[in-house]
Protein backbone atom coordinates (compact mmCIF):
# COMPACT_ATOMS: atom_id res chain seq x y z
CA MET A 1 65.99 20.62 -32.88
CA PRO A 2 67.21 23.07 -30.24
CA GLN A 3 63.69 23.89 -29.04
CA LEU A 4 63.48 20.46 -27.41
CA ASN A 5 66.57 21.04 -25.27
CA PRO A 6 65.08 21.88 -21.83
CA ALA A 7 68.36 22.90 -20.21
CA PRO A 8 68.36 26.69 -20.85
CA TRP A 9 64.58 27.13 -20.75
CA PHE A 10 64.09 25.29 -17.50
CA THR A 11 66.70 27.50 -15.85
CA ILE A 12 65.06 30.63 -17.23
CA LEU A 13 61.68 29.37 -15.99
CA MET A 14 63.03 28.70 -12.50
CA PHE A 15 64.76 32.07 -12.23
CA SER A 16 61.70 33.94 -13.47
CA TRP A 17 59.47 32.16 -10.93
CA LEU A 18 62.01 32.82 -8.21
CA ILE A 19 61.92 36.52 -9.05
CA PHE A 20 58.12 36.55 -9.20
CA LEU A 21 57.81 34.79 -5.85
CA THR A 22 60.30 37.07 -4.09
CA VAL A 23 59.37 40.47 -5.55
CA ILE A 24 55.62 40.45 -6.11
CA PRO A 25 54.19 39.01 -2.82
CA PRO A 26 55.68 41.73 -0.56
CA LYS A 27 54.23 44.39 -2.86
CA ILE A 28 50.81 42.77 -2.69
CA LEU A 29 50.95 42.21 1.07
CA ALA A 30 52.00 45.83 1.66
CA HIS A 31 48.80 47.07 0.02
CA THR A 32 46.41 48.75 2.43
CA PHE A 33 42.78 49.57 1.86
CA PRO A 34 41.79 53.23 2.22
CA ASN A 35 38.65 52.38 4.22
CA GLU A 36 39.14 49.73 6.83
CA PRO A 37 35.95 47.83 7.64
CA THR A 38 34.35 48.64 10.97
CA HIS A 39 32.46 46.30 13.25
CA GLN A 40 28.72 46.68 13.25
CA SER A 41 27.02 47.14 16.58
CA THR A 42 25.03 44.25 17.96
CA GLU A 43 22.07 46.53 18.79
CA LYS A 44 19.27 46.50 16.28
CA PRO A 45 18.11 49.93 15.19
CA LYS A 46 14.64 50.94 16.38
CA THR A 47 12.22 50.82 13.49
CA ASP A 48 8.90 52.66 13.62
CA PRO A 49 5.89 51.44 11.65
CA TRP A 50 4.84 53.59 8.74
CA ALA A 51 1.85 55.83 9.41
CA TRP A 52 0.70 56.35 5.83
CA PRO A 53 -2.93 57.08 5.13
CA TRP A 54 -4.12 54.29 2.84
CA HIS A 55 -7.54 55.77 1.96
């Protein structure tokens, strides 16, 4: 049964993983986001109480 011979398939598996691990990570790491996150200020915004007439 030739399917049980691991010699050619193991080599194909290793070469495919080698290609995946050398080609794909640089493409992923080169990705940049269009909107970089900005730091929020430590000041709290001034909030005014609502002056709604309740009657």
